[in-house]
């Protein structure tokens, strides 16, 4: 199972705990689960912090040569994480992560009738490709 965790950069800590952490914790000890993340602020960074001491099977996808953020390696499992870079833009990177996932955890707080967020676009792509959404229920 490859779980892509993604979402808005401006998520509140309360919303992250409610909509993400509770779901992540259901799978965090399963050695057959791989977590797929990007390196943006908000959901990506908070998910890394939740996973760093408990999950060795994590892949972090990023644009360019170096990630914008990576969790601390000291006394954590981050040294085992795969860091996958070289993507030229968000769309290229996100397409690769969506291709590689089987499941996803995501919620969009930012889209409205005037603007569709990148998070919402990725949710729609995951659903179109038959990826399974994991929720707190």
N, C-alpha and C. Protein backbone atom coordinates (compact mmCIF):
# COMPACT_ATOMS: atom_id res chain seq x y z
N UNK A 1 0.85 -1.17 0.00
CA UNK A 1 0.00 0.00 0.00
C UNK A 1 0.89 1.24 0.00
N UNK A 2 0.71 2.12 -0.96
CA UNK A 2 1.45 3.38 -1.07
C UNK A 2 0.49 4.53 -0.83
N UNK A 3 0.65 5.20 0.30
CA UNK A 3 -0.27 6.26 0.71
C UNK A 3 0.35 7.63 0.45
N UNK A 4 -0.28 8.39 -0.44
CA UNK A 4 0.14 9.76 -0.74
C UNK A 4 -0.58 10.68 0.24
N UNK A 5 0.17 11.44 1.01
CA UNK A 5 -0.38 12.41 1.96
C UNK A 5 -0.12 13.79 1.39
N UNK A 6 -1.18 14.57 1.16
CA UNK A 6 -1.00 15.91 0.62
C UNK A 6 -2.14 16.82 1.06
N UNK A 7 -1.94 18.12 0.88
CA UNK A 7 -2.97 19.07 1.27
C UNK A 7 -2.45 20.50 1.22
N UNK A 8 -3.24 21.39 1.80
CA UNK A 8 -2.97 22.82 1.74
C UNK A 8 -1.77 23.23 2.59
N UNK A 9 -1.06 24.23 2.12
CA UNK A 9 0.09 24.76 2.84
C UNK A 9 -0.30 25.59 4.05
N UNK A 10 -1.52 26.08 4.08
CA UNK A 10 -1.95 26.95 5.18
C UNK A 10 -2.88 26.24 6.16
N UNK A 11 -2.83 24.93 6.24
CA UNK A 11 -3.71 24.18 7.15
C UNK A 11 -3.38 24.53 8.61
N UNK A 12 -4.40 24.57 9.43
CA UNK A 12 -4.17 24.79 10.86
C UNK A 12 -3.72 23.48 11.50
N UNK A 13 -3.02 23.60 12.62
CA UNK A 13 -2.57 22.41 13.34
C UNK A 13 -3.77 21.60 13.81
N UNK A 14 -4.83 22.28 14.24
CA UNK A 14 -6.05 21.60 14.68
C UNK A 14 -6.66 20.78 13.54
N UNK A 15 -6.76 21.37 12.36
CA UNK A 15 -7.31 20.64 11.21
C UNK A 15 -6.41 19.49 10.79
N UNK A 16 -5.09 19.69 10.87
CA UNK A 16 -4.18 18.59 10.54
C UNK A 16 -4.40 17.41 11.49
N UNK A 17 -4.46 17.68 12.77
CA UNK A 17 -4.65 16.60 13.74
C UNK A 17 -5.97 15.88 13.50
N UNK A 18 -7.00 16.63 13.19
CA UNK A 18 -8.34 16.05 13.00
C UNK A 18 -8.43 15.22 11.72
N UNK A 19 -7.95 15.77 10.62
CA UNK A 19 -8.18 15.15 9.31
C UNK A 19 -7.03 14.28 8.80
N UNK A 20 -5.85 14.45 9.36
CA UNK A 20 -4.67 13.72 8.87
C UNK A 20 -4.05 12.79 9.90
N UNK A 21 -3.66 13.35 11.05
CA UNK A 21 -2.90 12.55 12.01
C UNK A 21 -3.65 11.31 12.45
N UNK A 22 -4.95 11.43 12.67
CA UNK A 22 -5.73 10.26 13.10
C UNK A 22 -5.72 9.17 12.03
N UNK A 23 -5.71 9.55 10.77
CA UNK A 23 -5.68 8.57 9.68
C UNK A 23 -4.27 7.98 9.53
N UNK A 24 -3.27 8.83 9.57
CA UNK A 24 -1.88 8.36 9.48
C UNK A 24 -1.59 7.34 10.57
N UNK A 25 -2.05 7.63 11.77
CA UNK A 25 -1.77 6.74 12.91
C UNK A 25 -2.34 5.34 12.74
N UNK A 26 -3.37 5.18 11.92
CA UNK A 26 -3.93 3.85 11.65
C UNK A 26 -2.94 2.96 10.89
N UNK A 27 -2.04 3.58 10.15
CA UNK A 27 -1.14 2.85 9.24
C UNK A 27 0.34 2.97 9.62
N UNK A 28 0.66 3.79 10.58
CA UNK A 28 2.05 4.16 10.87
C UNK A 28 2.93 2.97 11.27
N UNK A 29 2.35 1.96 11.90
CA UNK A 29 3.14 0.81 12.35
C UNK A 29 3.14 -0.35 11.36
N UNK A 30 2.42 -0.20 10.25
CA UNK A 30 2.33 -1.26 9.25
C UNK A 30 3.55 -1.21 8.34
N UNK A 31 4.38 -2.22 8.41
CA UNK A 31 5.63 -2.26 7.63
C UNK A 31 5.37 -2.42 6.13
N UNK A 32 4.14 -2.78 5.74
CA UNK A 32 3.80 -2.92 4.33
C UNK A 32 3.28 -1.63 3.72
N UNK A 33 3.26 -0.57 4.50
CA UNK A 33 2.78 0.72 4.02
C UNK A 33 3.97 1.62 3.72
N UNK A 34 3.91 2.24 2.55
CA UNK A 34 4.88 3.28 2.17
C UNK A 34 4.13 4.60 2.13
N UNK A 35 4.70 5.61 2.76
CA UNK A 35 4.10 6.95 2.75
C UNK A 35 4.82 7.79 1.71
N UNK A 36 4.06 8.49 0.89
CA UNK A 36 4.60 9.35 -0.16
C UNK A 36 4.23 10.79 0.17
N UNK A 37 5.22 11.67 0.19
CA UNK A 37 5.02 13.06 0.57
C UNK A 37 5.75 13.97 -0.40
N UNK A 38 5.39 15.26 -0.35
CA UNK A 38 6.19 16.28 -1.00
C UNK A 38 6.85 17.11 0.10
N UNK A 39 7.38 18.26 -0.24
CA UNK A 39 8.21 19.00 0.72
C UNK A 39 7.74 20.43 0.97
N UNK A 40 6.45 20.67 0.81
CA UNK A 40 5.91 22.02 0.98
C UNK A 40 5.46 22.23 2.42
N UNK A 41 5.32 23.48 2.81
CA UNK A 41 4.85 23.80 4.17
C UNK A 41 3.43 23.25 4.37
N UNK A 42 2.97 23.28 5.59
CA UNK A 42 1.62 22.81 5.89
C UNK A 42 1.56 21.31 6.05
N UNK A 43 0.68 20.67 5.30
CA UNK A 43 0.44 19.23 5.44
C UNK A 43 1.73 18.43 5.26
N UNK A 44 2.53 18.76 4.26
CA UNK A 44 3.75 17.98 3.99
C UNK A 44 4.69 17.99 5.20
N UNK A 45 4.97 19.17 5.72
CA UNK A 45 5.89 19.30 6.86
C UNK A 45 5.31 18.64 8.10
N UNK A 46 4.03 18.86 8.38
CA UNK A 46 3.41 18.26 9.57
C UNK A 46 3.40 16.74 9.46
N UNK A 47 3.14 16.21 8.27
CA UNK A 47 3.16 14.76 8.09
C UNK A 47 4.57 14.21 8.32
N UNK A 48 5.59 14.90 7.83
CA UNK A 48 6.96 14.45 8.08
C UNK A 48 7.25 14.38 9.57
N UNK A 49 6.79 15.37 10.30
CA UNK A 49 7.05 15.40 11.74
C UNK A 49 6.34 14.24 12.45
N UNK A 50 5.15 13.88 12.01
CA UNK A 50 4.44 12.74 12.60
C UNK A 50 5.17 11.44 12.28
N UNK A 51 5.68 11.33 11.07
CA UNK A 51 6.28 10.08 10.60
C UNK A 51 7.73 9.87 11.01
N UNK A 52 8.47 10.91 11.28
CA UNK A 52 9.93 10.81 11.39
C UNK A 52 10.45 9.80 12.41
N UNK A 53 9.76 9.60 13.51
CA UNK A 53 10.25 8.67 14.53
C UNK A 53 9.60 7.30 14.44
N UNK A 54 8.64 7.14 13.54
CA UNK A 54 7.87 5.90 13.51
C UNK A 54 7.85 5.16 12.18
N UNK A 55 8.22 5.81 11.10
CA UNK A 55 8.08 5.18 9.78
C UNK A 55 9.38 5.31 8.98
N UNK A 56 9.93 4.18 8.58
CA UNK A 56 11.13 4.18 7.74
C UNK A 56 10.77 4.18 6.26
N UNK A 57 9.57 3.74 5.93
CA UNK A 57 9.14 3.61 4.53
C UNK A 57 8.45 4.89 4.07
N UNK A 58 9.25 5.92 3.84
CA UNK A 58 8.74 7.23 3.41
C UNK A 58 9.54 7.68 2.20
N UNK A 59 8.84 8.21 1.21
CA UNK A 59 9.49 8.82 0.05
C UNK A 59 9.06 10.28 -0.01
N UNK A 60 10.04 11.18 -0.13
CA UNK A 60 9.77 12.61 -0.23
C UNK A 60 10.15 13.07 -1.63
N UNK A 61 9.17 13.59 -2.36
CA UNK A 61 9.35 14.06 -3.73
C UNK A 61 9.52 15.58 -3.71
N UNK A 62 10.46 16.09 -4.52
CA UNK A 62 10.69 17.54 -4.52
C UNK A 62 11.14 18.02 -5.89
N UNK A 63 10.99 19.31 -6.09
CA UNK A 63 11.44 19.99 -7.30
C UNK A 63 12.92 20.33 -7.15
N UNK A 64 13.67 20.26 -8.23
CA UNK A 64 15.06 20.68 -8.20
C UNK A 64 15.98 19.67 -7.53
N UNK A 65 17.13 20.18 -7.06
CA UNK A 65 18.17 19.32 -6.51
C UNK A 65 17.95 18.96 -5.04
N UNK A 66 17.39 19.87 -4.26
CA UNK A 66 17.26 19.65 -2.82
C UNK A 66 15.84 19.96 -2.34
N UNK A 67 15.33 19.19 -1.39
CA UNK A 67 14.00 19.49 -0.86
C UNK A 67 13.99 20.81 -0.09
N UNK A 68 12.83 21.48 -0.10
CA UNK A 68 12.68 22.70 0.69
C UNK A 68 12.73 22.39 2.17
N UNK A 69 12.22 21.22 2.54
CA UNK A 69 12.22 20.80 3.94
C UNK A 69 12.38 19.29 4.00
N UNK A 70 13.12 18.85 4.99
CA UNK A 70 13.20 17.42 5.31
C UNK A 70 13.33 17.34 6.83
N UNK A 71 12.66 16.40 7.42
CA UNK A 71 12.69 16.25 8.88
C UNK A 71 14.11 15.90 9.35
N UNK A 72 14.38 16.20 10.60
CA UNK A 72 15.70 15.95 11.20
C UNK A 72 16.03 14.46 11.23
N UNK A 73 17.27 14.11 10.90
CA UNK A 73 17.70 12.71 10.86
C UNK A 73 18.19 12.19 12.21
N UNK A 74 18.56 13.07 13.12
CA UNK A 74 19.15 12.66 14.39
C UNK A 74 18.14 11.89 15.24
N UNK A 75 18.46 10.64 15.53
CA UNK A 75 17.63 9.74 16.35
C UNK A 75 16.21 9.59 15.80
N UNK A 76 16.10 9.59 14.49
CA UNK A 76 14.81 9.36 13.83
C UNK A 76 15.02 8.31 12.74
N UNK A 77 13.96 8.03 11.98
CA UNK A 77 14.05 7.07 10.88
C UNK A 77 14.25 7.76 9.53
N UNK A 78 14.47 9.05 9.56
CA UNK A 78 14.59 9.83 8.32
C UNK A 78 15.77 9.37 7.46
N UNK A 79 16.81 8.85 8.06
CA UNK A 79 17.96 8.36 7.28
C UNK A 79 17.56 7.25 6.32
N UNK A 80 16.48 6.55 6.61
CA UNK A 80 15.99 5.47 5.75
C UNK A 80 15.07 5.97 4.64
N UNK A 81 14.64 7.21 4.73
CA UNK A 81 13.70 7.75 3.75
C UNK A 81 14.36 7.91 2.39
N UNK A 82 13.54 7.78 1.34
CA UNK A 82 14.00 8.05 -0.02
C UNK A 82 13.66 9.50 -0.35
N UNK A 83 14.62 10.22 -0.88
CA UNK A 83 14.40 11.60 -1.32
C UNK A 83 14.53 11.60 -2.83
N UNK A 84 13.44 11.94 -3.50
CA UNK A 84 13.35 11.83 -4.96
C UNK A 84 13.15 13.22 -5.55
N UNK A 85 14.14 13.71 -6.25
CA UNK A 85 14.08 15.06 -6.78
C UNK A 85 14.29 15.13 -8.28
N UNK A 86 14.59 16.35 -8.72
CA UNK A 86 14.85 16.60 -10.12
C UNK A 86 13.63 17.00 -10.93
N UNK A 87 12.49 17.10 -10.29
CA UNK A 87 11.28 17.51 -11.03
C UNK A 87 11.37 19.00 -11.34
N UNK A 88 10.80 19.40 -12.49
CA UNK A 88 10.91 20.78 -12.93
C UNK A 88 9.81 21.68 -12.39
N UNK A 89 8.67 21.10 -12.01
CA UNK A 89 7.56 21.92 -11.51
C UNK A 89 6.61 21.08 -10.67
N UNK A 90 5.65 21.75 -10.04
CA UNK A 90 4.69 21.06 -9.17
C UNK A 90 3.90 19.99 -9.93
N UNK A 91 3.46 20.33 -11.12
CA UNK A 91 2.64 19.40 -11.90
C UNK A 91 3.40 18.11 -12.22
N UNK A 92 4.64 18.24 -12.64
CA UNK A 92 5.45 17.06 -12.96
C UNK A 92 5.67 16.19 -11.72
N UNK A 93 6.02 16.84 -10.61
CA UNK A 93 6.25 16.11 -9.36
C UNK A 93 4.97 15.44 -8.88
N UNK A 94 3.88 16.20 -8.83
CA UNK A 94 2.62 15.65 -8.33
C UNK A 94 2.11 14.50 -9.19
N UNK A 95 2.27 14.60 -10.51
CA UNK A 95 1.86 13.52 -11.40
C UNK A 95 2.60 12.23 -11.09
N UNK A 96 3.88 12.34 -10.78
CA UNK A 96 4.69 11.17 -10.46
C UNK A 96 4.24 10.53 -9.14
N UNK A 97 3.95 11.36 -8.14
CA UNK A 97 3.50 10.81 -6.86
C UNK A 97 2.14 10.14 -7.01
N UNK A 98 1.23 10.79 -7.73
CA UNK A 98 -0.10 10.21 -7.95
C UNK A 98 0.03 8.88 -8.68
N UNK A 99 0.89 8.82 -9.68
CA UNK A 99 1.11 7.57 -10.43
C UNK A 99 1.57 6.46 -9.49
N UNK A 100 2.40 6.79 -8.52
CA UNK A 100 2.99 5.79 -7.63
C UNK A 100 2.14 5.41 -6.42
N UNK A 101 1.09 6.16 -6.14
CA UNK A 101 0.28 5.85 -4.96
C UNK A 101 -0.85 4.88 -5.29
N UNK A 102 -1.30 4.19 -4.26
CA UNK A 102 -2.50 3.34 -4.37
C UNK A 102 -3.64 3.93 -3.56
N UNK A 103 -3.29 4.71 -2.54
CA UNK A 103 -4.25 5.32 -1.61
C UNK A 103 -3.81 6.76 -1.37
N UNK A 104 -4.72 7.58 -0.84
CA UNK A 104 -4.32 8.95 -0.51
C UNK A 104 -5.11 9.47 0.68
N UNK A 105 -4.47 10.42 1.37
CA UNK A 105 -5.08 11.15 2.47
C UNK A 105 -5.00 12.62 2.08
N UNK A 106 -6.15 13.27 1.90
CA UNK A 106 -6.15 14.68 1.50
C UNK A 106 -7.51 15.30 1.78
N UNK A 107 -7.47 16.58 2.08
CA UNK A 107 -8.68 17.39 2.19
C UNK A 107 -8.31 18.79 1.74
N UNK A 108 -9.23 19.46 1.06
CA UNK A 108 -8.97 20.79 0.54
C UNK A 108 -9.82 21.81 1.29
N UNK A 109 -9.18 22.82 1.84
CA UNK A 109 -9.87 23.89 2.54
C UNK A 109 -9.89 25.19 1.74
N UNK A 110 -9.23 25.24 0.60
CA UNK A 110 -8.99 26.51 -0.08
C UNK A 110 -9.77 26.75 -1.37
N UNK A 111 -10.27 25.73 -2.03
CA UNK A 111 -10.95 25.95 -3.30
C UNK A 111 -12.30 26.62 -3.08
N UNK A 112 -12.67 27.42 -4.05
CA UNK A 112 -14.01 28.02 -4.06
C UNK A 112 -14.45 28.16 -5.51
N UNK A 113 -15.54 28.85 -5.75
CA UNK A 113 -16.06 28.94 -7.11
C UNK A 113 -15.14 29.71 -8.05
N UNK A 114 -14.22 30.51 -7.52
CA UNK A 114 -13.31 31.30 -8.35
C UNK A 114 -11.94 30.65 -8.56
N UNK A 115 -11.59 29.69 -7.71
CA UNK A 115 -10.24 29.13 -7.77
C UNK A 115 -10.24 27.68 -7.30
N UNK A 116 -9.56 26.82 -8.08
CA UNK A 116 -9.37 25.43 -7.68
C UNK A 116 -7.92 25.27 -7.24
N UNK A 117 -7.72 24.85 -6.00
CA UNK A 117 -6.36 24.71 -5.47
C UNK A 117 -5.64 23.53 -6.11
N UNK A 118 -4.32 23.51 -5.96
CA UNK A 118 -3.53 22.37 -6.40
C UNK A 118 -3.93 21.11 -5.66
N UNK A 119 -4.28 21.26 -4.39
CA UNK A 119 -4.74 20.11 -3.60
C UNK A 119 -6.00 19.52 -4.22
N UNK A 120 -6.96 20.37 -4.57
CA UNK A 120 -8.21 19.87 -5.16
C UNK A 120 -7.94 19.20 -6.51
N UNK A 121 -7.05 19.77 -7.30
CA UNK A 121 -6.71 19.17 -8.59
C UNK A 121 -6.11 17.77 -8.39
N UNK A 122 -5.26 17.62 -7.38
CA UNK A 122 -4.66 16.31 -7.11
C UNK A 122 -5.68 15.32 -6.57
N UNK A 123 -6.62 15.79 -5.75
CA UNK A 123 -7.70 14.92 -5.27
C UNK A 123 -8.49 14.39 -6.46
N UNK A 124 -8.85 15.28 -7.37
CA UNK A 124 -9.63 14.88 -8.55
C UNK A 124 -8.85 13.91 -9.43
N UNK A 125 -7.55 14.13 -9.59
CA UNK A 125 -6.73 13.21 -10.38
C UNK A 125 -6.67 11.84 -9.72
N UNK A 126 -6.46 11.81 -8.41
CA UNK A 126 -6.43 10.53 -7.68
C UNK A 126 -7.75 9.78 -7.87
N UNK A 127 -8.86 10.49 -7.72
CA UNK A 127 -10.17 9.85 -7.87
C UNK A 127 -10.39 9.35 -9.29
N UNK A 128 -9.99 10.15 -10.28
CA UNK A 128 -10.12 9.76 -11.69
C UNK A 128 -9.34 8.48 -11.99
N UNK A 129 -8.18 8.33 -11.35
CA UNK A 129 -7.33 7.17 -11.59
C UNK A 129 -7.65 5.99 -10.67
N UNK A 130 -8.69 6.12 -9.87
CA UNK A 130 -9.12 5.01 -9.02
C UNK A 130 -8.32 4.80 -7.75
N UNK A 131 -7.61 5.82 -7.32
CA UNK A 131 -6.87 5.73 -6.05
C UNK A 131 -7.88 5.75 -4.90
N UNK A 132 -7.58 5.09 -3.82
CA UNK A 132 -8.52 4.94 -2.70
C UNK A 132 -8.26 6.02 -1.66
N UNK A 133 -9.30 6.77 -1.34
CA UNK A 133 -9.18 7.84 -0.34
C UNK A 133 -9.34 7.26 1.06
N UNK A 134 -8.43 7.61 1.96
CA UNK A 134 -8.49 7.19 3.36
C UNK A 134 -8.94 8.38 4.20
N UNK A 135 -9.91 8.17 5.08
CA UNK A 135 -10.44 9.25 5.92
C UNK A 135 -10.48 8.82 7.37
N UNK A 136 -10.84 9.76 8.24
CA UNK A 136 -10.85 9.48 9.67
C UNK A 136 -12.00 8.58 10.10
N UNK A 137 -12.99 8.34 9.25
CA UNK A 137 -14.09 7.46 9.62
C UNK A 137 -13.66 6.02 9.68
